[in-house]
Amino acid sequence: MQLYQVNGTVTLSRAHPSFMGCRLKTAEAYGDRLLGRAVKDPDLVVVWDDLGAADGSVIAVSDGGEAAQPFKPTLKPVDAYNAAIIDELHGPGFKK
């Protein structure tokens, strides 16, 4: 599981039937910010969001095969899943 920051919403004109009613968000890795590194062109990840994360929210994302686990026994073609919305981060380097 890794920390990501939500920066947008994905809108689909056509989608896999199992995506009906879901929310997809774009997010970028938050780890570089914690280390004080600036990223010019961050890699965006599309994340399945059942929790209602807003733009700017820091979220915990499970990816790969783990992302589909919340939907068992139903199969969904998902590679990243929002497992938690982080309310606060404490300690050195944790600034929003």
N, C-alpha and C. Protein backbone atom coordinates (compact mmCIF):
# COMPACT_ATOMS: atom_id res chain seq x y z
N MET A 1 0.85 -1.17 0.00
CA MET A 1 0.00 0.00 0.00
C MET A 1 0.89 1.23 0.00
N GLN A 2 0.50 2.22 -0.78
CA GLN A 2 1.29 3.45 -0.89
C GLN A 2 0.38 4.66 -0.76
N LEU A 3 0.99 5.81 -0.43
CA LEU A 3 0.23 7.05 -0.34
C LEU A 3 0.23 7.76 -1.70
N TYR A 4 -0.94 8.26 -2.08
CA TYR A 4 -1.12 9.02 -3.31
C TYR A 4 -1.95 10.25 -2.98
N GLN A 5 -1.85 11.27 -3.86
CA GLN A 5 -2.69 12.45 -3.71
C GLN A 5 -3.62 12.53 -4.91
N VAL A 6 -4.91 12.66 -4.65
CA VAL A 6 -5.92 12.75 -5.70
C VAL A 6 -5.82 14.10 -6.39
N ASN A 7 -5.85 14.08 -7.73
CA ASN A 7 -5.80 15.35 -8.45
C ASN A 7 -6.82 15.47 -9.58
N GLY A 8 -7.77 14.54 -9.67
CA GLY A 8 -8.79 14.68 -10.70
C GLY A 8 -9.74 13.49 -10.74
N THR A 9 -10.72 13.61 -11.62
CA THR A 9 -11.74 12.57 -11.81
C THR A 9 -11.70 12.10 -13.24
N VAL A 10 -11.91 10.81 -13.46
CA VAL A 10 -11.95 10.23 -14.79
C VAL A 10 -13.41 10.07 -15.20
N THR A 11 -13.75 10.53 -16.40
CA THR A 11 -15.08 10.36 -16.93
C THR A 11 -14.98 9.48 -18.17
N LEU A 12 -15.77 8.41 -18.20
CA LEU A 12 -15.73 7.47 -19.32
C LEU A 12 -17.00 7.60 -20.16
N SER A 13 -16.84 7.59 -21.48
CA SER A 13 -18.02 7.59 -22.34
C SER A 13 -18.49 6.15 -22.58
N ARG A 14 -17.57 5.21 -22.55
CA ARG A 14 -17.87 3.78 -22.62
C ARG A 14 -17.01 3.09 -21.58
N ALA A 15 -17.57 2.09 -20.94
CA ALA A 15 -16.82 1.41 -19.89
C ALA A 15 -17.23 -0.05 -19.82
N HIS A 16 -16.39 -0.83 -19.19
CA HIS A 16 -16.71 -2.24 -18.89
C HIS A 16 -17.97 -2.25 -18.03
N PRO A 17 -18.90 -3.18 -18.29
CA PRO A 17 -20.16 -3.21 -17.53
C PRO A 17 -19.98 -3.24 -16.00
N SER A 18 -18.91 -3.83 -15.51
CA SER A 18 -18.70 -3.90 -14.06
C SER A 18 -18.31 -2.55 -13.47
N PHE A 19 -18.05 -1.55 -14.31
CA PHE A 19 -17.69 -0.22 -13.82
C PHE A 19 -18.92 0.68 -13.62
N MET A 20 -20.11 0.17 -13.89
CA MET A 20 -21.32 0.99 -13.75
C MET A 20 -21.45 1.51 -12.32
N GLY A 21 -21.60 2.82 -12.18
CA GLY A 21 -21.80 3.42 -10.87
C GLY A 21 -20.53 3.65 -10.06
N CYS A 22 -19.36 3.35 -10.61
CA CYS A 22 -18.13 3.55 -9.83
C CYS A 22 -17.57 4.95 -10.05
N ARG A 23 -16.65 5.34 -9.19
CA ARG A 23 -15.92 6.59 -9.35
C ARG A 23 -14.46 6.25 -9.58
N LEU A 24 -13.89 6.85 -10.60
CA LEU A 24 -12.47 6.68 -10.88
C LEU A 24 -11.78 8.01 -10.68
N LYS A 25 -10.68 8.00 -9.96
CA LYS A 25 -9.91 9.21 -9.68
C LYS A 25 -8.49 9.07 -10.23
N THR A 26 -7.89 10.19 -10.62
CA THR A 26 -6.47 10.17 -10.96
C THR A 26 -5.70 10.62 -9.73
N ALA A 27 -4.55 10.01 -9.51
CA ALA A 27 -3.74 10.32 -8.34
C ALA A 27 -2.27 10.20 -8.70
N GLU A 28 -1.44 10.92 -7.97
CA GLU A 28 0.01 10.82 -8.16
C GLU A 28 0.65 10.42 -6.84
N ALA A 29 1.78 9.73 -6.95
CA ALA A 29 2.48 9.24 -5.76
C ALA A 29 2.84 10.40 -4.83
N TYR A 30 2.62 10.20 -3.55
CA TYR A 30 2.87 11.23 -2.55
C TYR A 30 4.25 11.10 -1.93
N GLY A 31 4.91 9.97 -2.13
CA GLY A 31 6.20 9.69 -1.51
C GLY A 31 7.29 10.70 -1.84
N ASP A 32 7.34 11.20 -3.08
CA ASP A 32 8.36 12.17 -3.44
C ASP A 32 8.20 13.47 -2.65
N ARG A 33 6.97 13.86 -2.36
CA ARG A 33 6.74 15.07 -1.56
C ARG A 33 7.28 14.88 -0.15
N LEU A 34 7.09 13.67 0.40
CA LEU A 34 7.58 13.41 1.74
C LEU A 34 9.10 13.53 1.81
N LEU A 35 9.75 13.20 0.70
CA LEU A 35 11.21 13.26 0.65
C LEU A 35 11.70 14.63 0.19
N GLY A 36 10.79 15.58 -0.07
CA GLY A 36 11.15 16.93 -0.47
C GLY A 36 11.58 17.05 -1.91
N ARG A 37 11.21 16.08 -2.74
CA ARG A 37 11.58 16.12 -4.16
C ARG A 37 10.45 16.71 -4.99
N ALA A 38 10.80 17.58 -5.93
CA ALA A 38 9.81 18.11 -6.87
C ALA A 38 9.78 17.20 -8.09
N VAL A 39 8.59 16.92 -8.59
CA VAL A 39 8.43 16.06 -9.77
C VAL A 39 7.80 16.89 -10.87
N LYS A 40 8.50 17.00 -12.01
CA LYS A 40 7.99 17.83 -13.12
C LYS A 40 6.79 17.19 -13.79
N ASP A 41 6.91 15.94 -14.20
CA ASP A 41 5.84 15.22 -14.88
C ASP A 41 5.52 13.95 -14.10
N PRO A 42 4.65 14.06 -13.09
CA PRO A 42 4.36 12.87 -12.28
C PRO A 42 3.58 11.83 -13.06
N ASP A 43 3.79 10.57 -12.71
CA ASP A 43 3.00 9.49 -13.29
C ASP A 43 1.65 9.46 -12.61
N LEU A 44 0.59 9.49 -13.40
CA LEU A 44 -0.76 9.43 -12.84
C LEU A 44 -1.24 7.99 -12.82
N VAL A 45 -1.99 7.66 -11.79
CA VAL A 45 -2.58 6.34 -11.64
C VAL A 45 -4.09 6.54 -11.56
N VAL A 46 -4.84 5.67 -12.24
CA VAL A 46 -6.30 5.71 -12.14
C VAL A 46 -6.69 4.76 -11.01
N VAL A 47 -7.45 5.30 -10.05
CA VAL A 47 -7.78 4.58 -8.82
C VAL A 47 -9.29 4.43 -8.69
N TRP A 48 -9.75 3.20 -8.38
CA TRP A 48 -11.16 2.96 -8.08
C TRP A 48 -11.43 3.54 -6.70
N ASP A 49 -12.45 4.41 -6.59
CA ASP A 49 -12.71 5.11 -5.33
C ASP A 49 -14.14 4.88 -4.86
N ASP A 50 -14.32 4.05 -3.85
CA ASP A 50 -15.63 3.83 -3.22
C ASP A 50 -15.84 4.75 -2.02
N LEU A 51 -14.79 5.44 -1.59
CA LEU A 51 -14.85 6.19 -0.34
C LEU A 51 -15.19 7.67 -0.51
N GLY A 52 -15.13 8.18 -1.74
CA GLY A 52 -15.49 9.58 -1.98
C GLY A 52 -14.36 10.56 -1.72
N ALA A 53 -13.15 10.22 -2.11
CA ALA A 53 -12.01 11.12 -1.93
C ALA A 53 -12.17 12.36 -2.80
N ALA A 54 -11.86 13.52 -2.25
CA ALA A 54 -11.94 14.78 -2.97
C ALA A 54 -10.59 15.12 -3.60
N ASP A 55 -10.59 16.04 -4.55
CA ASP A 55 -9.33 16.50 -5.12
C ASP A 55 -8.45 17.05 -4.00
N GLY A 56 -7.18 16.68 -4.01
CA GLY A 56 -6.24 17.10 -2.98
C GLY A 56 -6.13 16.15 -1.80
N SER A 57 -7.04 15.19 -1.68
CA SER A 57 -6.99 14.23 -0.58
C SER A 57 -5.78 13.31 -0.71
N VAL A 58 -5.20 12.95 0.42
CA VAL A 58 -4.15 11.95 0.45
C VAL A 58 -4.84 10.62 0.75
N ILE A 59 -4.56 9.61 -0.09
CA ILE A 59 -5.24 8.32 0.04
C ILE A 59 -4.22 7.19 0.10
N ALA A 60 -4.62 6.08 0.70
CA ALA A 60 -3.79 4.87 0.72
C ALA A 60 -4.31 3.96 -0.39
N VAL A 61 -3.43 3.59 -1.31
CA VAL A 61 -3.83 2.83 -2.49
C VAL A 61 -3.18 1.45 -2.47
N SER A 62 -4.02 0.44 -2.67
CA SER A 62 -3.46 -0.90 -2.90
C SER A 62 -3.53 -1.12 -4.39
N ASP A 63 -2.48 -1.72 -4.94
CA ASP A 63 -2.44 -1.87 -6.39
C ASP A 63 -2.07 -3.30 -6.77
N GLY A 64 -2.11 -3.57 -8.06
CA GLY A 64 -1.82 -4.91 -8.55
C GLY A 64 -2.96 -5.86 -8.20
N GLY A 65 -2.64 -7.12 -7.97
CA GLY A 65 -3.63 -8.13 -7.66
C GLY A 65 -4.41 -7.84 -6.39
N GLU A 66 -3.81 -7.13 -5.45
CA GLU A 66 -4.47 -6.78 -4.19
C GLU A 66 -5.66 -5.85 -4.41
N ALA A 67 -5.64 -5.06 -5.47
CA ALA A 67 -6.69 -4.07 -5.71
C ALA A 67 -8.04 -4.71 -5.97
N ALA A 68 -8.07 -5.90 -6.53
CA ALA A 68 -9.33 -6.56 -6.85
C ALA A 68 -9.91 -7.33 -5.67
N GLN A 69 -9.17 -7.48 -4.58
CA GLN A 69 -9.61 -8.28 -3.44
C GLN A 69 -10.92 -7.80 -2.79
N PRO A 70 -11.18 -6.49 -2.67
CA PRO A 70 -12.43 -6.07 -2.04
C PRO A 70 -13.68 -6.51 -2.80
N PHE A 71 -13.54 -6.91 -4.04
CA PHE A 71 -14.70 -7.25 -4.86
C PHE A 71 -14.97 -8.75 -4.93
N LYS A 72 -14.15 -9.58 -4.30
CA LYS A 72 -14.31 -11.03 -4.35
C LYS A 72 -15.70 -11.42 -3.87
N PRO A 73 -16.41 -12.35 -4.44
CA PRO A 73 -16.04 -13.21 -5.55
C PRO A 73 -16.29 -12.58 -6.93
N THR A 74 -16.85 -11.38 -6.97
CA THR A 74 -17.07 -10.70 -8.24
C THR A 74 -15.72 -10.29 -8.82
N LEU A 75 -15.56 -10.41 -10.12
CA LEU A 75 -14.33 -9.99 -10.78
C LEU A 75 -14.49 -8.61 -11.39
N LYS A 76 -13.55 -7.73 -11.13
CA LYS A 76 -13.54 -6.39 -11.71
C LYS A 76 -12.16 -6.12 -12.27
N PRO A 77 -12.08 -5.51 -13.46
CA PRO A 77 -10.78 -5.20 -14.06
C PRO A 77 -10.20 -3.91 -13.47
N VAL A 78 -9.64 -4.02 -12.27
CA VAL A 78 -9.13 -2.85 -11.57
C VAL A 78 -7.68 -3.11 -11.14
N ASP A 79 -6.82 -2.09 -11.30
CA ASP A 79 -5.41 -2.22 -10.93
C ASP A 79 -5.03 -1.42 -9.69
N ALA A 80 -5.89 -0.47 -9.27
CA ALA A 80 -5.59 0.34 -8.09
C ALA A 80 -6.90 0.66 -7.37
N TYR A 81 -6.88 0.52 -6.04
CA TYR A 81 -8.08 0.67 -5.23
C TYR A 81 -7.79 1.60 -4.05
N ASN A 82 -8.67 2.57 -3.82
CA ASN A 82 -8.53 3.47 -2.68
C ASN A 82 -8.99 2.74 -1.43
N ALA A 83 -8.05 2.36 -0.58
CA ALA A 83 -8.35 1.61 0.63
C ALA A 83 -8.62 2.50 1.84
N ALA A 84 -8.15 3.77 1.81
CA ALA A 84 -8.34 4.67 2.96
C ALA A 84 -8.09 6.11 2.55
N ILE A 85 -8.81 7.01 3.19
CA ILE A 85 -8.54 8.45 3.04
C ILE A 85 -7.78 8.87 4.30
N ILE A 86 -6.63 9.49 4.11
CA ILE A 86 -5.79 9.89 5.25
C ILE A 86 -6.22 11.27 5.73
N ASP A 87 -6.63 11.36 7.00
CA ASP A 87 -7.07 12.64 7.55
C ASP A 87 -5.89 13.53 7.90
N GLU A 88 -4.90 12.98 8.57
CA GLU A 88 -3.76 13.76 9.02
C GLU A 88 -2.49 12.94 8.96
N LEU A 89 -1.38 13.61 8.66
CA LEU A 89 -0.06 12.99 8.71
C LEU A 89 0.77 13.81 9.69
N HIS A 90 1.45 13.14 10.59
CA HIS A 90 2.25 13.84 11.60
C HIS A 90 3.71 13.43 11.48
N GLY A 91 4.58 14.37 11.78
CA GLY A 91 5.99 14.09 11.79
C GLY A 91 6.73 14.94 10.77
N PRO A 92 8.04 14.87 10.77
CA PRO A 92 8.83 15.68 9.85
C PRO A 92 8.54 15.29 8.39
N GLY A 93 8.34 16.28 7.57
CA GLY A 93 8.12 16.03 6.16
C GLY A 93 6.67 15.83 5.78
N PHE A 94 5.77 15.69 6.75
CA PHE A 94 4.36 15.46 6.46
C PHE A 94 3.62 16.79 6.38
N LYS A 95 3.74 17.46 5.24
CA LYS A 95 3.02 18.71 5.04
C LYS A 95 2.16 18.57 3.80
N LYS A 96 0.95 19.01 3.88
CA LYS A 96 0.03 18.95 2.75
C LYS A 96 0.24 20.10 1.80
